[in-house]
């Protein structure tokens, strides 16, 4: 995992708080030519992203969310204000009053959103925290002209052009999906089916929780969370890749994100979490 921002600030702001896994090769690369990507590319800016006290995040909706539903904010599990969830720990329904700075397309803060609940948080198999806010998508749109980002409910594609949008640093990183990792291990945590960036996405501390956006669709396909800083093997801030045969690969300087396509199936009418819903594979408490 990249370091939390407080640690980063004390060391000249370099690594991003948390990490997440990868699982992989079961999804073969599909053709994704530069010409095709350019033809389909949508504008990706800061609209709908948020800044947290030590991380980045975004206001998200699912394909079946309604405008009248309470707005949700997505960030990393390791960005949770009460500390990193332990291995095997899943938090649901925890009270929260955390605030988020809502950004417009230029990256300017235009409002403060407030959470009333941690709907879901874990660092097991994945690295996500989802907050429920005290307002709705419709109110945010009417008051500030900002629409949420949609979480794609299908697996991302190898080779796809992506952007990692950090609301904390007001920085956008551009690269491609390099591939997928079967297991990503970092310290005590192990994640499944993580997304590996090409080297151009050299994310730093404070970018944890940034939405990873497919430029062809504008949809969120992952949440940024870690990278191997020092070339160490499977230690904190130095995740390692483990394949299905147990072989370990270390890629110093390469960064990763946790896929999000499996999250929509776990939310039902009214943006309510239902871990027993058909198709939901998120870890349970």
C-alpha atoms as a PDB file:
ATOM      1  CA  UNK A   1       0.000   0.000   0.000  1.00  0.00           C
ATOM      2  CA  UNK A   2       1.099   3.495  -0.528  1.00  0.00           C
ATOM      3  CA  UNK A   3       1.631   5.409   2.653  1.00  0.00           C
ATOM      4  CA  UNK A   4      -1.197   7.393   4.250  1.00  0.00           C
ATOM      5  CA  UNK A   5      -0.943  11.026   3.402  1.00  0.00           C
ATOM      6  CA  UNK A   6       0.121  12.102   6.886  1.00  0.00           C
ATOM      7  CA  UNK A   7       3.127   9.828   6.601  1.00  0.00           C
ATOM      8  CA  UNK A   8       3.683  11.107   3.113  1.00  0.00           C
ATOM      9  CA  UNK A   9       3.656  14.735   4.162  1.00  0.00           C
ATOM     10  CA  UNK A  10       6.277  14.012   6.760  1.00  0.00           C
ATOM     11  CA  UNK A  11       8.414  12.386   4.064  1.00  0.00           C
ATOM     12  CA  UNK A  12       7.868  14.932   1.294  1.00  0.00           C
ATOM     13  CA  UNK A  13       4.528  13.572   0.149  1.00  0.00           C
ATOM     14  CA  UNK A  14       5.362  10.545  -1.890  1.00  0.00           C
ATOM     15  CA  UNK A  15       3.389   7.259  -1.591  1.00  0.00           C
ATOM     16  CA  UNK A  16      -0.284   6.519  -1.571  1.00  0.00           C
ATOM     17  CA  UNK A  17      -2.120   4.977   1.367  1.00  0.00           C
ATOM     18  CA  UNK A  18      -3.311   1.661   0.676  1.00  0.00           C
ATOM     19  CA  UNK A  19      -3.232  -1.159  -1.631  1.00  0.00           C
ATOM     20  CA  UNK A  20      -5.219  -3.759  -3.191  1.00  0.00           C
ATOM     21  CA  UNK A  21      -4.876  -6.881  -5.077  1.00  0.00           C
ATOM     22  CA  UNK A  22      -5.024  -8.403  -8.215  1.00  0.00           C
ATOM     23  CA  UNK A  23      -6.249 -11.477  -9.797  1.00  0.00           C
ATOM     24  CA  UNK A  24      -5.794 -12.259 -13.221  1.00  0.00           C
ATOM     25  CA  UNK A  25      -5.126 -13.841 -16.447  1.00  0.00           C
ATOM     26  CA  UNK A  26      -8.555 -15.343 -16.613  1.00  0.00           C
ATOM     27  CA  UNK A  27      -9.561 -12.290 -18.614  1.00  0.00           C
ATOM     28  CA  UNK A  28      -7.734 -12.196 -21.958  1.00  0.00           C
ATOM     29  CA  UNK A  29      -6.690  -8.941 -23.546  1.00  0.00           C
ATOM     30  CA  UNK A  30      -9.004  -7.599 -26.197  1.00  0.00           C
ATOM     31  CA  UNK A  31      -8.039  -5.426 -29.165  1.00  0.00           C
ATOM     32  CA  UNK A  32      -7.955  -1.796 -28.111  1.00  0.00           C
ATOM     33  CA  UNK A  33      -6.245   0.265 -30.783  1.00  0.00           C
ATOM     34  CA  UNK A  34      -5.226   3.862 -30.236  1.00  0.00           C
ATOM     35  CA  UNK A  35      -7.461   4.934 -33.095  1.00  0.00           C
ATOM     36  CA  UNK A  36     -10.490   3.163 -31.662  1.00  0.00           C
ATOM     37  CA  UNK A  37      -9.806   4.556 -28.205  1.00  0.00           C
ATOM     38  CA  UNK A  38      -9.447   8.072 -29.548  1.00  0.00           C
ATOM     39  CA  UNK A  39     -12.683   7.764 -31.478  1.00  0.00           C
ATOM     40  CA  UNK A  40     -14.610   6.689 -28.394  1.00  0.00           C
ATOM     41  CA  UNK A  41     -12.794   8.675 -25.735  1.00  0.00           C
ATOM     42  CA  UNK A  42     -14.900  10.805 -23.434  1.00  0.00           C
ATOM     43  CA  UNK A  43     -13.793  13.835 -21.493  1.00  0.00           C
ATOM     44  CA  UNK A  44     -12.405  12.853 -18.090  1.00  0.00           C
ATOM     45  CA  UNK A  45     -11.974  15.668 -15.584  1.00  0.00           C
ATOM     46  CA  UNK A  46     -12.426  16.252 -11.843  1.00  0.00           C
ATOM     47  CA  UNK A  47     -16.215  16.581 -11.836  1.00  0.00           C
ATOM     48  CA  UNK A  48     -17.671  14.168  -9.299  1.00  0.00           C
ATOM     49  CA  UNK A  49     -14.387  13.436  -7.554  1.00  0.00           C
ATOM     50  CA  UNK A  50     -13.798  14.359  -3.921  1.00  0.00           C
ATOM     51  CA  UNK A  51     -10.925  15.128  -1.604  1.00  0.00           C
ATOM     52  CA  UNK A  52     -10.671  13.519   1.825  1.00  0.00           C
ATOM     53  CA  UNK A  53      -8.444  14.465   4.733  1.00  0.00           C
ATOM     54  CA  UNK A  54      -5.743  12.050   3.574  1.00  0.00           C
ATOM     55  CA  UNK A  55      -7.010  10.381   0.391  1.00  0.00           C
ATOM     56  CA  UNK A  56      -8.978  10.812  -2.796  1.00  0.00           C
ATOM     57  CA  UNK A  57     -12.409   9.502  -3.738  1.00  0.00           C
ATOM     58  CA  UNK A  58     -15.467   9.951  -5.923  1.00  0.00           C
ATOM     59  CA  UNK A  59     -19.232  10.257  -5.800  1.00  0.00           C
ATOM     60  CA  UNK A  60     -20.503   7.058  -7.409  1.00  0.00           C
ATOM     61  CA  UNK A  61     -23.713   5.487  -8.576  1.00  0.00           C
ATOM     62  CA  UNK A  62     -24.520   2.036  -9.896  1.00  0.00           C
ATOM     63  CA  UNK A  63     -26.297   1.246 -13.172  1.00  0.00           C
ATOM     64  CA  UNK A  64     -29.606   0.784 -11.322  1.00  0.00           C
ATOM     65  CA  UNK A  65     -29.284   3.687  -8.872  1.00  0.00           C
ATOM     66  CA  UNK A  66     -32.030   6.330  -8.892  1.00  0.00           C
ATOM     67  CA  UNK A  67     -31.545  10.096  -8.743  1.00  0.00           C
ATOM     68  CA  UNK A  68     -33.462  10.146  -5.469  1.00  0.00           C
ATOM     69  CA  UNK A  69     -31.113   7.645  -3.794  1.00  0.00           C
ATOM     70  CA  UNK A  70     -28.627   8.803  -1.148  1.00  0.00           C
ATOM     71  CA  UNK A  71     -25.333   9.619  -2.849  1.00  0.00           C
ATOM     72  CA  UNK A  72     -22.420   7.259  -2.180  1.00  0.00           C
ATOM     73  CA  UNK A  73     -18.699   8.039  -1.975  1.00  0.00           C
ATOM     74  CA  UNK A  74     -16.046   5.474  -2.931  1.00  0.00           C
ATOM     75  CA  UNK A  75     -12.489   5.380  -1.605  1.00  0.00           C
ATOM     76  CA  UNK A  76     -10.060   2.752  -0.258  1.00  0.00           C
ATOM     77  CA  UNK A  77     -10.497   0.502   2.758  1.00  0.00           C
ATOM     78  CA  UNK A  78      -7.193   1.803   4.058  1.00  0.00           C
ATOM     79  CA  UNK A  79      -8.579   5.351   3.893  1.00  0.00           C
ATOM     80  CA  UNK A  80     -11.193   4.582   6.577  1.00  0.00           C
ATOM     81  CA  UNK A  81     -11.029   7.231   9.307  1.00  0.00           C
ATOM     82  CA  UNK A  82     -10.953   4.642  12.089  1.00  0.00           C
ATOM     83  CA  UNK A  83      -7.877   2.887  10.679  1.00  0.00           C
ATOM     84  CA  UNK A  84      -7.025  -0.022   8.406  1.00  0.00           C
ATOM     85  CA  UNK A  85      -9.507  -2.910   8.618  1.00  0.00           C
ATOM     86  CA  UNK A  86      -7.618  -6.028   9.682  1.00  0.00           C
ATOM     87  CA  UNK A  87      -7.232  -9.123   7.513  1.00  0.00           C
ATOM     88  CA  UNK A  88     -10.614 -10.832   7.337  1.00  0.00           C
ATOM     89  CA  UNK A  89     -12.430  -7.817   8.799  1.00  0.00           C
ATOM     90  CA  UNK A  90     -15.517  -6.418   7.068  1.00  0.00           C
ATOM     91  CA  UNK A  91     -17.254  -3.317   8.419  1.00  0.00           C
ATOM     92  CA  UNK A  92     -20.870  -2.478   7.574  1.00  0.00           C
ATOM     93  CA  UNK A  93     -23.308   0.112   8.886  1.00  0.00           C
ATOM     94  CA  UNK A  94     -20.758   1.994  10.991  1.00  0.00           C
ATOM     95  CA  UNK A  95     -21.727   5.538  11.955  1.00  0.00           C
ATOM     96  CA  UNK A  96     -19.649   8.280  10.319  1.00  0.00           C
ATOM     97  CA  UNK A  97     -19.651  12.050  10.017  1.00  0.00           C
ATOM     98  CA  UNK A  98     -16.703  12.284   7.632  1.00  0.00           C
ATOM     99  CA  UNK A  99     -16.675  15.184   5.171  1.00  0.00           C
ATOM    100  CA  UNK A 100     -15.665  15.286   1.524  1.00  0.00           C
ATOM    101  CA  UNK A 101     -14.727  18.216  -0.674  1.00  0.00           C
ATOM    102  CA  UNK A 102     -16.793  17.982  -3.878  1.00  0.00           C
ATOM    103  CA  UNK A 103     -14.894  19.123  -6.968  1.00  0.00           C
ATOM    104  CA  UNK A 104     -16.068  20.588 -10.257  1.00  0.00           C
ATOM    105  CA  UNK A 105     -14.554  19.841 -13.663  1.00  0.00           C
ATOM    106  CA  UNK A 106     -11.666  22.274 -13.070  1.00  0.00           C
ATOM    107  CA  UNK A 107     -10.769  20.668  -9.747  1.00  0.00           C
ATOM    108  CA  UNK A 108     -12.147  23.481  -7.616  1.00  0.00           C
ATOM    109  CA  UNK A 109     -13.961  22.641  -4.393  1.00  0.00           C
ATOM    110  CA  UNK A 110     -17.566  23.767  -4.721  1.00  0.00           C
ATOM    111  CA  UNK A 111     -19.244  22.065  -1.766  1.00  0.00           C
ATOM    112  CA  UNK A 112     -18.751  19.921   1.303  1.00  0.00           C
ATOM    113  CA  UNK A 113     -20.576  16.606   1.464  1.00  0.00           C
ATOM    114  CA  UNK A 114     -21.013  14.740   4.737  1.00  0.00           C
ATOM    115  CA  UNK A 115     -21.352  11.041   5.441  1.00  0.00           C
ATOM    116  CA  UNK A 116     -23.742   9.533   7.948  1.00  0.00           C
ATOM    117  CA  UNK A 117     -22.614   5.932   7.534  1.00  0.00           C
ATOM    118  CA  UNK A 118     -19.798   3.656   6.428  1.00  0.00           C
ATOM    119  CA  UNK A 119     -21.914   1.355   4.305  1.00  0.00           C
ATOM    120  CA  UNK A 120     -19.075  -1.079   3.585  1.00  0.00           C
ATOM    121  CA  UNK A 121     -15.341  -1.231   4.246  1.00  0.00           C
ATOM    122  CA  UNK A 122     -12.731  -3.952   3.951  1.00  0.00           C
ATOM    123  CA  UNK A 123      -9.155  -4.704   2.958  1.00  0.00           C
ATOM    124  CA  UNK A 124      -9.871  -8.387   2.420  1.00  0.00           C
ATOM    125  CA  UNK A 125      -9.922  -9.561  -1.235  1.00  0.00           C
ATOM    126  CA  UNK A 126     -10.274  -5.897  -2.175  1.00  0.00           C
ATOM    127  CA  UNK A 127      -9.552  -2.441  -0.721  1.00  0.00           C
ATOM    128  CA  UNK A 128     -12.711  -0.355  -0.620  1.00  0.00           C
ATOM    129  CA  UNK A 129     -14.755   1.889   1.621  1.00  0.00           C
ATOM    130  CA  UNK A 130     -18.188   3.099   0.542  1.00  0.00           C
ATOM    131  CA  UNK A 131     -19.806   5.946   2.460  1.00  0.00           C
ATOM    132  CA  UNK A 132     -23.453   7.028   2.409  1.00  0.00           C
ATOM    133  CA  UNK A 133     -23.911  10.783   2.376  1.00  0.00           C
ATOM    134  CA  UNK A 134     -26.706  12.888   3.837  1.00  0.00           C
ATOM    135  CA  UNK A 135     -27.864  14.099   0.421  1.00  0.00           C
ATOM    136  CA  UNK A 136     -29.127  12.652  -2.859  1.00  0.00           C
ATOM    137  CA  UNK A 137     -27.781  12.642  -6.400  1.00  0.00           C
ATOM    138  CA  UNK A 138     -30.668  14.876  -7.454  1.00  0.00           C
ATOM    139  CA  UNK A 139     -29.862  17.508  -4.837  1.00  0.00           C
ATOM    140  CA  UNK A 140     -26.165  17.493  -5.746  1.00  0.00           C
ATOM    141  CA  UNK A 141     -27.036  17.908  -9.426  1.00  0.00           C
ATOM    142  CA  UNK A 142     -29.520  20.703  -8.784  1.00  0.00           C
ATOM    143  CA  UNK A 143     -27.329  22.574  -6.308  1.00  0.00           C
ATOM    144  CA  UNK A 144     -23.889  22.164  -7.899  1.00  0.00           C
ATOM    145  CA  UNK A 145     -24.398  20.814 -11.419  1.00  0.00           C
ATOM    146  CA  UNK A 146     -22.392  17.676 -10.641  1.00  0.00           C
ATOM    147  CA  UNK A 147     -23.393  14.168 -11.661  1.00  0.00           C
ATOM    148  CA  UNK A 148     -21.987  11.018 -10.039  1.00  0.00           C
ATOM    149  CA  UNK A 149     -19.574   8.669 -11.767  1.00  0.00           C
ATOM    150  CA  UNK A 150     -21.082   5.326 -12.781  1.00  0.00           C
ATOM    151  CA  UNK A 151     -19.412   2.125 -11.591  1.00  0.00           C
ATOM    152  CA  UNK A 152     -19.152  -0.291 -14.502  1.00  0.00           C
ATOM    153  CA  UNK A 153     -20.599  -3.735 -13.752  1.00  0.00           C
ATOM    154  CA  UNK A 154     -18.405  -5.639 -16.223  1.00  0.00           C
ATOM    155  CA  UNK A 155     -14.745  -6.605 -15.927  1.00  0.00           C
ATOM    156  CA  UNK A 156     -12.234  -4.056 -17.281  1.00  0.00           C
ATOM    157  CA  UNK A 157     -10.249  -4.847 -20.425  1.00  0.00           C
ATOM    158  CA  UNK A 158      -6.504  -5.327 -20.735  1.00  0.00           C
ATOM    159  CA  UNK A 159      -4.958  -2.578 -22.860  1.00  0.00           C
ATOM    160  CA  UNK A 160      -7.781  -0.105 -22.226  1.00  0.00           C
ATOM    161  CA  UNK A 161      -6.852   3.557 -21.869  1.00  0.00           C
ATOM    162  CA  UNK A 162      -7.548   4.781 -18.332  1.00  0.00           C
ATOM    163  CA  UNK A 163      -7.185   7.864 -16.184  1.00  0.00           C
ATOM    164  CA  UNK A 164      -6.601   7.929 -12.427  1.00  0.00           C
ATOM    165  CA  UNK A 165      -8.212  11.101 -11.067  1.00  0.00           C
ATOM    166  CA  UNK A 166      -6.919  12.320  -7.694  1.00  0.00           C
ATOM    167  CA  UNK A 167      -9.217  14.751  -5.930  1.00  0.00           C
ATOM    168  CA  UNK A 168      -6.638  15.296  -3.202  1.00  0.00           C
ATOM    169  CA  UNK A 169      -3.786  16.380  -5.464  1.00  0.00           C
ATOM    170  CA  UNK A 170      -5.982  17.728  -8.298  1.00  0.00           C
ATOM    171  CA  UNK A 171      -3.925  15.561 -10.636  1.00  0.00           C
ATOM    172  CA  UNK A 172      -4.946  13.207 -13.438  1.00  0.00           C
ATOM    173  CA  UNK A 173      -2.678  10.309 -14.423  1.00  0.00           C
ATOM    174  CA  UNK A 174      -3.046   8.757 -17.882  1.00  0.00           C
ATOM    175  CA  UNK A 175      -1.937   5.239 -18.813  1.00  0.00           C
ATOM    176  CA  UNK A 176      -3.332   1.856 -19.837  1.00  0.00           C
ATOM    177  CA  UNK A 177      -4.414  -1.349 -18.148  1.00  0.00           C
ATOM    178  CA  UNK A 178      -1.257  -3.442 -18.302  1.00  0.00           C
ATOM    179  CA  UNK A 179      -2.967  -6.590 -17.052  1.00  0.00           C
ATOM    180  CA  UNK A 180      -4.509  -8.315 -14.066  1.00  0.00           C
ATOM    181  CA  UNK A 181      -2.980 -10.026 -11.056  1.00  0.00           C
ATOM    182  CA  UNK A 182      -4.258 -13.320  -9.644  1.00  0.00           C
ATOM    183  CA  UNK A 183      -3.277 -12.380  -6.083  1.00  0.00           C
ATOM    184  CA  UNK A 184      -1.610  -9.227  -4.833  1.00  0.00           C
ATOM    185  CA  UNK A 185       0.016  -9.582  -1.412  1.00  0.00           C
ATOM    186  CA  UNK A 186       1.109  -6.683   0.761  1.00  0.00           C
ATOM    187  CA  UNK A 187       2.023  -7.184   4.376  1.00  0.00           C
ATOM    188  CA  UNK A 188      -0.882  -8.948   6.092  1.00  0.00           C
ATOM    189  CA  UNK A 189      -3.337  -8.348   3.233  1.00  0.00           C
ATOM    190  CA  UNK A 190      -4.113 -10.299   0.098  1.00  0.00           C
ATOM    191  CA  UNK A 191      -6.282  -9.031  -2.739  1.00  0.00           C
ATOM    192  CA  UNK A 192      -7.875 -10.780  -5.682  1.00  0.00           C
ATOM    193  CA  UNK A 193      -7.955  -9.798  -9.352  1.00  0.00           C
ATOM    194  CA  UNK A 194      -6.237  -6.442  -9.074  1.00  0.00           C
ATOM    195  CA  UNK A 195      -5.571  -4.178 -12.003  1.00  0.00           C
ATOM    196  CA  UNK A 196      -1.960  -3.336 -12.900  1.00  0.00           C
ATOM    197  CA  UNK A 197      -1.128  -0.027 -14.596  1.00  0.00           C
ATOM    198  CA  UNK A 198       1.442   0.617 -17.258  1.00  0.00           C
ATOM    199  CA  UNK A 199       4.337   2.669 -15.866  1.00  0.00           C
ATOM    200  CA  UNK A 200       2.924   6.077 -16.853  1.00  0.00           C
ATOM    201  CA  UNK A 201       0.512   6.015 -13.896  1.00  0.00           C
ATOM    202  CA  UNK A 202       3.152   6.757 -11.241  1.00  0.00           C
ATOM    203  CA  UNK A 203       0.645   7.529  -8.480  1.00  0.00           C
ATOM    204  CA  UNK A 204       1.831   8.903  -5.128  1.00  0.00           C
ATOM    205  CA  UNK A 205       0.610   9.246  -1.554  1.00  0.00           C
ATOM    206  CA  UNK A 206      -2.787  10.919  -1.314  1.00  0.00           C
ATOM    207  CA  UNK A 207      -3.988   9.371  -4.574  1.00  0.00           C
ATOM    208  CA  UNK A 208      -5.335   6.358  -2.690  1.00  0.00           C
ATOM    209  CA  UNK A 209      -9.040   5.989  -3.374  1.00  0.00           C
ATOM    210  CA  UNK A 210      -8.926   7.792  -6.722  1.00  0.00           C
ATOM    211  CA  UNK A 211     -11.403   6.483  -9.292  1.00  0.00           C
ATOM    212  CA  UNK A 212      -9.829   4.673 -12.240  1.00  0.00           C
ATOM    213  CA  UNK A 213     -11.857   5.720 -15.270  1.00  0.00           C
ATOM    214  CA  UNK A 214     -12.038   3.976 -18.646  1.00  0.00           C
ATOM    215  CA  UNK A 215     -11.680   6.794 -21.175  1.00  0.00           C
ATOM    216  CA  UNK A 216     -13.868   4.993 -23.719  1.00  0.00           C
ATOM    217  CA  UNK A 217     -16.922   4.973 -21.449  1.00  0.00           C
ATOM    218  CA  UNK A 218     -16.268   7.430 -18.638  1.00  0.00           C
ATOM    219  CA  UNK A 219     -17.144   4.691 -16.149  1.00  0.00           C
ATOM    220  CA  UNK A 220     -15.268   3.734 -12.999  1.00  0.00           C
ATOM    221  CA  UNK A 221     -13.556   0.356 -13.420  1.00  0.00           C
ATOM    222  CA  UNK A 222     -11.315   0.318 -10.345  1.00  0.00           C
ATOM    223  CA  UNK A 223     -10.126   2.274  -7.312  1.00  0.00           C
ATOM    224  CA  UNK A 224      -6.453   3.263  -7.073  1.00  0.00           C
ATOM    225  CA  UNK A 225      -4.601   1.898  -4.070  1.00  0.00           C
ATOM    226  CA  UNK A 226      -0.982   0.760  -4.045  1.00  0.00           C
ATOM    227  CA  UNK A 227       2.412   0.367  -5.657  1.00  0.00           C
ATOM    228  CA  UNK A 228       5.787  -1.236  -5.079  1.00  0.00           C
ATOM    229  CA  UNK A 229       8.079   1.546  -3.901  1.00  0.00           C
ATOM    230  CA  UNK A 230      11.387  -0.078  -2.933  1.00  0.00           C
ATOM    231  CA  UNK A 231      11.508  -3.392  -4.760  1.00  0.00           C
ATOM    232  CA  UNK A 232      10.905  -5.382  -1.589  1.00  0.00           C
ATOM    233  CA  UNK A 233       8.904  -8.604  -1.665  1.00  0.00           C
ATOM    234  CA  UNK A 234       5.326  -8.623  -0.298  1.00  0.00           C
ATOM    235  CA  UNK A 235       5.969  -6.041   2.468  1.00  0.00           C
ATOM    236  CA  UNK A 236       3.907  -2.954   3.265  1.00  0.00           C
ATOM    237  CA  UNK A 237       4.256  -0.417   0.446  1.00  0.00           C
ATOM    238  CA  UNK A 238       5.863  -3.177  -1.630  1.00  0.00           C
ATOM    239  CA  UNK A 239       3.138  -5.490  -2.907  1.00  0.00           C
ATOM    240  CA  UNK A 240       4.091  -8.593  -4.848  1.00  0.00           C
ATOM    241  CA  UNK A 241       2.195 -10.499  -7.498  1.00  0.00           C
ATOM    242  CA  UNK A 242       1.401 -14.171  -6.927  1.00  0.00           C
ATOM    243  CA  UNK A 243       0.183 -16.329  -9.804  1.00  0.00           C
ATOM    244  CA  UNK A 244      -2.016 -19.426  -9.675  1.00  0.00           C
ATOM    245  CA  UNK A 245       1.048 -21.657  -9.259  1.00  0.00           C
ATOM    246  CA  UNK A 246       2.383 -19.626  -6.335  1.00  0.00           C
ATOM    247  CA  UNK A 247       5.144 -17.913  -8.307  1.00  0.00           C
ATOM    248  CA  UNK A 248       6.006 -14.460  -6.959  1.00  0.00           C
ATOM    249  CA  UNK A 249       6.850 -11.429  -9.126  1.00  0.00           C
ATOM    250  CA  UNK A 250       8.051  -8.060  -7.821  1.00  0.00           C
ATOM    251  CA  UNK A 251       7.652  -5.001 -10.043  1.00  0.00           C
ATOM    252  CA  UNK A 252       9.333  -2.005  -8.444  1.00  0.00           C
ATOM    253  CA  UNK A 253       7.775   1.320  -9.416  1.00  0.00           C
ATOM    254  CA  UNK A 254       4.570  -0.255 -10.740  1.00  0.00           C
ATOM    255  CA  UNK A 255       1.197   0.702  -9.274  1.00  0.00           C
ATOM    256  CA  UNK A 256      -2.134  -1.067  -8.889  1.00  0.00           C
ATOM    257  CA  UNK A 257      -5.860  -0.611  -8.386  1.00  0.00           C
ATOM    258  CA  UNK A 258      -8.706  -2.742  -7.104  1.00  0.00           C
ATOM    259  CA  UNK A 259     -11.428  -3.622  -9.582  1.00  0.00           C
ATOM    260  CA  UNK A 260     -14.961  -2.475  -8.775  1.00  0.00           C
ATOM    261  CA  UNK A 261     -17.163  -4.343 -11.273  1.00  0.00           C
ATOM    262  CA  UNK A 262     -18.315  -6.766  -8.553  1.00  0.00           C
ATOM    263  CA  UNK A 263     -19.720  -4.033  -6.294  1.00  0.00           C
ATOM    264  CA  UNK A 264     -23.000  -3.105  -8.096  1.00  0.00           C
ATOM    265  CA  UNK A 265     -24.467  -6.598  -7.613  1.00  0.00           C
ATOM    266  CA  UNK A 266     -24.286  -6.073  -3.844  1.00  0.00           C
ATOM    267  CA  UNK A 267     -26.527  -2.985  -3.849  1.00  0.00           C
ATOM    268  CA  UNK A 268     -30.280  -3.077  -4.306  1.00  0.00           C
ATOM    269  CA  UNK A 269     -33.118  -0.542  -4.516  1.00  0.00           C
ATOM    270  CA  UNK A 270     -32.340   2.696  -2.732  1.00  0.00           C
ATOM    271  CA  UNK A 271     -28.564   2.061  -2.830  1.00  0.00           C
ATOM    272  CA  UNK A 272     -28.961  -0.392   0.044  1.00  0.00           C
ATOM    273  CA  UNK A 273     -26.225  -2.931   0.695  1.00  0.00           C
ATOM    274  CA  UNK A 274     -27.303  -6.571   0.440  1.00  0.00           C
ATOM    275  CA  UNK A 275     -24.362  -8.959   0.690  1.00  0.00           C
ATOM    276  CA  UNK A 276     -26.750 -11.882   0.175  1.00  0.00           C
ATOM    277  CA  UNK A 277     -28.000 -10.575  -3.174  1.00  0.00           C
ATOM    278  CA  UNK A 278     -27.639 -12.813  -6.198  1.00  0.00           C
ATOM    279  CA  UNK A 279     -24.244 -12.315  -7.817  1.00  0.00           C
ATOM    280  CA  UNK A 280     -22.727 -10.488  -4.848  1.00  0.00           C
ATOM    281  CA  UNK A 281     -19.199 -11.760  -4.187  1.00  0.00           C
ATOM    282  CA  UNK A 282     -17.891  -9.133  -1.777  1.00  0.00           C
ATOM    283  CA  UNK A 283     -16.528 -10.542   1.515  1.00  0.00           C
ATOM    284  CA  UNK A 284     -19.066 -10.728   4.338  1.00  0.00           C
ATOM    285  CA  UNK A 285     -18.560  -9.861   8.038  1.00  0.00           C
END
